Amino acid sequence: MATDEMKDSKKPKWLLPAAIGAALLAIAALVALVCLRGKFAAEQPADPYDTQYARMHDPAYLKQLDELRQEQKGIARMLGEAQAALEQAKEKGEDSEEFKAAQAKMAAAKDAFQKNRIKAQTLVRDRIMQENDAIKAKQESSKEKGE
């Protein structure tokens, strides 16, 4: 029996409390990581326009559309003036300088119209793509949460 007592006396007494402490520390670290992960996921703001046609409630987007519309009105006025100048210049002959100037004015107005149309299409396309990406992200997030 003396050998059993010798074996027990050789085991360090701090080993069991250290192992329990390490296990508790690991559990606490795991809980902290899970909480922080949830916090960071919650901090990333979801796109508030994550439903179809929600962009029509975005004041910044509507302002951009309004600015493009105002530009279109100016271009329409320019086209009308160019058309009137072209009609007046036709009376003086198609070889006259006024007719050539009116044609140049019409070409410039048409070019401005095309550029405005492209800007409008690009704005709407980009916004629809952003909206679709937000909808997709919302759906994937719901799948991950099991909703």
C-alpha atoms as a PDB file:
ATOM      1  CA  MET A   1       0.000   0.000   0.000  1.00  0.00           C
ATOM      2  CA  ALA A   2       2.916   2.257   0.387  1.00  0.00           C
ATOM      3  CA  THR A   3       3.285   2.263  -3.366  1.00  0.00           C
ATOM      4  CA  ASP A   4      -0.280   3.560  -3.842  1.00  0.00           C
ATOM      5  CA  GLU A   5       0.383   6.454  -1.516  1.00  0.00           C
ATOM      6  CA  MET A   6       3.593   7.263  -3.399  1.00  0.00           C
ATOM      7  CA  LYS A   7       1.756   7.330  -6.708  1.00  0.00           C
ATOM      8  CA  ASP A   8      -0.889   9.710  -5.316  1.00  0.00           C
ATOM      9  CA  SER A   9       1.707  11.987  -3.823  1.00  0.00           C
ATOM     10  CA  LYS A  10       3.537  12.307  -7.151  1.00  0.00           C
ATOM     11  CA  LYS A  11       0.426  13.690  -8.978  1.00  0.00           C
ATOM     12  CA  PRO A  12       0.377  17.464  -8.901  1.00  0.00           C
ATOM     13  CA  LYS A  13      -2.637  18.812  -7.027  1.00  0.00           C
ATOM     14  CA  TRP A  14      -3.075  21.773  -9.413  1.00  0.00           C
ATOM     15  CA  LEU A  15      -3.663  19.636 -12.512  1.00  0.00           C
ATOM     16  CA  LEU A  16      -7.403  19.052 -12.055  1.00  0.00           C
ATOM     17  CA  PRO A  17      -8.294  22.691 -11.260  1.00  0.00           C
ATOM     18  CA  ALA A  18      -6.128  23.874 -14.184  1.00  0.00           C
ATOM     19  CA  ALA A  19      -7.897  21.508 -16.598  1.00  0.00           C
ATOM     20  CA  ILE A  20     -11.316  22.671 -15.364  1.00  0.00           C
ATOM     21  CA  GLY A  21     -10.223  26.312 -15.641  1.00  0.00           C
ATOM     22  CA  ALA A  22      -8.953  25.783 -19.195  1.00  0.00           C
ATOM     23  CA  ALA A  23     -12.214  24.117 -20.189  1.00  0.00           C
ATOM     24  CA  LEU A  24     -14.232  26.997 -18.711  1.00  0.00           C
ATOM     25  CA  LEU A  25     -12.030  29.508 -20.525  1.00  0.00           C
ATOM     26  CA  ALA A  26     -12.539  27.684 -23.825  1.00  0.00           C
ATOM     27  CA  ILE A  27     -16.321  27.662 -23.312  1.00  0.00           C
ATOM     28  CA  ALA A  28     -16.306  31.381 -22.453  1.00  0.00           C
ATOM     29  CA  ALA A  29     -14.246  32.161 -25.570  1.00  0.00           C
ATOM     30  CA  LEU A  30     -16.617  30.131 -27.725  1.00  0.00           C
ATOM     31  CA  VAL A  31     -19.653  31.936 -26.291  1.00  0.00           C
ATOM     32  CA  ALA A  32     -17.948  35.312 -26.864  1.00  0.00           C
ATOM     33  CA  LEU A  33     -17.189  34.428 -30.487  1.00  0.00           C
ATOM     34  CA  VAL A  34     -20.762  33.346 -31.122  1.00  0.00           C
ATOM     35  CA  CYS A  35     -22.092  36.562 -29.580  1.00  0.00           C
ATOM     36  CA  LEU A  36     -19.645  38.733 -31.509  1.00  0.00           C
ATOM     37  CA  ARG A  37     -20.504  36.966 -34.752  1.00  0.00           C
ATOM     38  CA  GLY A  38     -24.173  37.720 -34.187  1.00  0.00           C
ATOM     39  CA  LYS A  39     -23.350  41.310 -33.272  1.00  0.00           C
ATOM     40  CA  PHE A  40     -21.274  41.878 -36.427  1.00  0.00           C
ATOM     41  CA  ALA A  41     -23.949  40.283 -38.579  1.00  0.00           C
ATOM     42  CA  ALA A  42     -26.531  42.554 -36.978  1.00  0.00           C
ATOM     43  CA  GLU A  43     -24.309  45.635 -37.422  1.00  0.00           C
ATOM     44  CA  GLN A  44     -24.111  45.176 -41.173  1.00  0.00           C
ATOM     45  CA  PRO A  45     -27.160  47.110 -42.262  1.00  0.00           C
ATOM     46  CA  ALA A  46     -29.424  45.343 -44.664  1.00  0.00           C
ATOM     47  CA  ASP A  47     -30.461  47.256 -47.739  1.00  0.00           C
ATOM     48  CA  PRO A  48     -33.792  48.847 -46.803  1.00  0.00           C
ATOM     49  CA  TYR A  49     -34.896  48.499 -50.407  1.00  0.00           C
ATOM     50  CA  ASP A  50     -34.873  44.705 -50.486  1.00  0.00           C
ATOM     51  CA  THR A  51     -38.277  44.162 -52.029  1.00  0.00           C
ATOM     52  CA  GLN A  52     -39.364  44.533 -55.603  1.00  0.00           C
ATOM     53  CA  TYR A  53     -40.037  48.166 -56.622  1.00  0.00           C
ATOM     54  CA  ALA A  54     -38.873  49.412 -53.213  1.00  0.00           C
ATOM     55  CA  ARG A  55     -36.556  51.783 -55.090  1.00  0.00           C
ATOM     56  CA  MET A  56     -39.613  53.905 -55.778  1.00  0.00           C
ATOM     57  CA  HIS A  57     -39.601  54.843 -52.082  1.00  0.00           C
ATOM     58  CA  ASP A  58     -35.922  55.868 -52.054  1.00  0.00           C
ATOM     59  CA  PRO A  59     -35.733  59.678 -51.961  1.00  0.00           C
ATOM     60  CA  ALA A  60     -32.173  59.788 -53.359  1.00  0.00           C
ATOM     61  CA  TYR A  61     -33.130  57.622 -56.332  1.00  0.00           C
ATOM     62  CA  LEU A  62     -36.288  59.640 -56.968  1.00  0.00           C
ATOM     63  CA  LYS A  63     -34.245  62.841 -56.860  1.00  0.00           C
ATOM     64  CA  GLN A  64     -31.867  61.443 -59.492  1.00  0.00           C
ATOM     65  CA  LEU A  65     -34.823  60.496 -61.690  1.00  0.00           C
ATOM     66  CA  ASP A  66     -36.288  63.975 -61.270  1.00  0.00           C
ATOM     67  CA  GLU A  67     -32.986  65.585 -62.263  1.00  0.00           C
ATOM     68  CA  LEU A  68     -32.862  63.441 -65.392  1.00  0.00           C
ATOM     69  CA  ARG A  69     -36.472  64.361 -66.170  1.00  0.00           C
ATOM     70  CA  GLN A  70     -35.673  68.072 -65.844  1.00  0.00           C
ATOM     71  CA  GLU A  71     -32.732  67.576 -68.181  1.00  0.00           C
ATOM     72  CA  GLN A  72     -35.043  65.784 -70.627  1.00  0.00           C
ATOM     73  CA  LYS A  73     -37.420  68.753 -70.586  1.00  0.00           C
ATOM     74  CA  GLY A  74     -34.541  71.072 -71.487  1.00  0.00           C
ATOM     75  CA  ILE A  75     -33.480  68.746 -74.283  1.00  0.00           C
ATOM     76  CA  ALA A  76     -37.061  68.573 -75.593  1.00  0.00           C
ATOM     77  CA  ARG A  77     -37.117  72.375 -75.680  1.00  0.00           C
ATOM     78  CA  MET A  78     -33.792  72.320 -77.518  1.00  0.00           C
ATOM     79  CA  LEU A  79     -35.149  69.794 -80.035  1.00  0.00           C
ATOM     80  CA  GLY A  80     -38.213  71.960 -80.630  1.00  0.00           C
ATOM     81  CA  GLU A  81     -36.086  75.045 -81.225  1.00  0.00           C
ATOM     82  CA  ALA A  82     -33.782  73.130 -83.548  1.00  0.00           C
ATOM     83  CA  GLN A  83     -36.760  71.792 -85.507  1.00  0.00           C
ATOM     84  CA  ALA A  84     -38.211  75.320 -85.858  1.00  0.00           C
ATOM     85  CA  ALA A  85     -34.827  76.682 -86.965  1.00  0.00           C
ATOM     86  CA  LEU A  86     -34.517  73.878 -89.476  1.00  0.00           C
ATOM     87  CA  GLU A  87     -37.971  74.652 -90.929  1.00  0.00           C
ATOM     88  CA  GLN A  88     -37.110  78.343 -91.244  1.00  0.00           C
ATOM     89  CA  ALA A  89     -33.759  77.584 -92.811  1.00  0.00           C
ATOM     90  CA  LYS A  90     -35.360  75.283 -95.412  1.00  0.00           C
ATOM     91  CA  GLU A  91     -37.070  78.340 -96.874  1.00  0.00           C
ATOM     92  CA  LYS A  92     -33.674  79.892 -97.566  1.00  0.00           C
ATOM     93  CA  GLY A  93     -32.428  76.750 -99.272  1.00  0.00           C
ATOM     94  CA  GLU A  94     -30.664  73.627 -98.160  1.00  0.00           C
ATOM     95  CA  ASP A  95     -27.322  75.014 -99.296  1.00  0.00           C
ATOM     96  CA  SER A  96     -27.528  78.081 -97.041  1.00  0.00           C
ATOM     97  CA  GLU A  97     -25.361  78.565 -93.965  1.00  0.00           C
ATOM     98  CA  GLU A  98     -28.462  78.921 -91.789  1.00  0.00           C
ATOM     99  CA  PHE A  99     -29.685  75.483 -92.877  1.00  0.00           C
ATOM    100  CA  LYS A 100     -26.300  73.920 -92.104  1.00  0.00           C
ATOM    101  CA  ALA A 101     -26.263  75.652 -88.709  1.00  0.00           C
ATOM    102  CA  ALA A 102     -29.805  74.424 -88.020  1.00  0.00           C
ATOM    103  CA  GLN A 103     -28.782  70.889 -88.959  1.00  0.00           C
ATOM    104  CA  ALA A 104     -25.822  71.113 -86.579  1.00  0.00           C
ATOM    105  CA  LYS A 105     -28.150  72.379 -83.839  1.00  0.00           C
ATOM    106  CA  MET A 106     -30.523  69.463 -84.484  1.00  0.00           C
ATOM    107  CA  ALA A 107     -27.640  66.974 -84.422  1.00  0.00           C
ATOM    108  CA  ALA A 108     -26.431  68.409 -81.094  1.00  0.00           C
ATOM    109  CA  ALA A 109     -29.949  68.166 -79.636  1.00  0.00           C
ATOM    110  CA  LYS A 110     -30.297  64.555 -80.810  1.00  0.00           C
ATOM    111  CA  ASP A 111     -26.903  63.725 -79.306  1.00  0.00           C
ATOM    112  CA  ALA A 112     -27.911  65.308 -75.978  1.00  0.00           C
ATOM    113  CA  PHE A 113     -31.156  63.305 -76.090  1.00  0.00           C
ATOM    114  CA  GLN A 114     -29.263  60.035 -76.650  1.00  0.00           C
ATOM    115  CA  LYS A 115     -26.800  60.771 -73.828  1.00  0.00           C
ATOM    116  CA  ASN A 116     -29.644  61.570 -71.445  1.00  0.00           C
ATOM    117  CA  ARG A 117     -31.475  58.388 -72.438  1.00  0.00           C
ATOM    118  CA  ILE A 118     -28.357  56.312 -71.784  1.00  0.00           C
ATOM    119  CA  LYS A 119     -27.851  57.960 -68.371  1.00  0.00           C
ATOM    120  CA  ALA A 120     -31.461  57.240 -67.441  1.00  0.00           C
ATOM    121  CA  GLN A 121     -31.254  53.618 -68.592  1.00  0.00           C
ATOM    122  CA  THR A 122     -28.003  53.116 -66.704  1.00  0.00           C
ATOM    123  CA  LEU A 123     -29.408  54.642 -63.517  1.00  0.00           C
ATOM    124  CA  VAL A 124     -32.512  52.459 -63.605  1.00  0.00           C
ATOM    125  CA  ARG A 125     -30.603  49.299 -64.583  1.00  0.00           C
ATOM    126  CA  ASP A 126     -28.030  49.760 -61.814  1.00  0.00           C
ATOM    127  CA  ARG A 127     -30.727  50.389 -59.245  1.00  0.00           C
ATOM    128  CA  ILE A 128     -32.737  47.346 -60.308  1.00  0.00           C
ATOM    129  CA  MET A 129     -29.590  45.222 -60.081  1.00  0.00           C
ATOM    130  CA  GLN A 130     -28.862  46.611 -56.590  1.00  0.00           C
ATOM    131  CA  GLU A 131     -32.438  45.871 -55.567  1.00  0.00           C
ATOM    132  CA  ASN A 132     -32.258  42.326 -56.967  1.00  0.00           C
ATOM    133  CA  ASP A 133     -28.972  41.716 -55.122  1.00  0.00           C
ATOM    134  CA  ALA A 134     -30.569  42.920 -51.879  1.00  0.00           C
ATOM    135  CA  ILE A 135     -33.568  40.643 -52.446  1.00  0.00           C
ATOM    136  CA  LYS A 136     -31.253  37.702 -53.111  1.00  0.00           C
ATOM    137  CA  ALA A 137     -29.170  38.460 -49.990  1.00  0.00           C
ATOM    138  CA  LYS A 138     -32.348  38.667 -47.916  1.00  0.00           C
ATOM    139  CA  GLN A 139     -33.505  35.289 -49.242  1.00  0.00           C
ATOM    140  CA  GLU A 140     -30.136  33.674 -48.539  1.00  0.00           C
ATOM    141  CA  SER A 141     -30.081  35.153 -45.053  1.00  0.00           C
ATOM    142  CA  SER A 142     -33.547  33.754 -44.406  1.00  0.00           C
ATOM    143  CA  LYS A 143     -32.412  30.318 -45.596  1.00  0.00           C
ATOM    144  CA  GLU A 144     -29.393  30.428 -43.259  1.00  0.00           C
ATOM    145  CA  LYS A 145     -31.607  31.371 -40.330  1.00  0.00           C
ATOM    146  CA  GLY A 146     -34.043  28.627 -41.252  1.00  0.00           C
ATOM    147  CA  GLU A 147     -36.995  30.925 -41.782  1.00  0.00           C
END
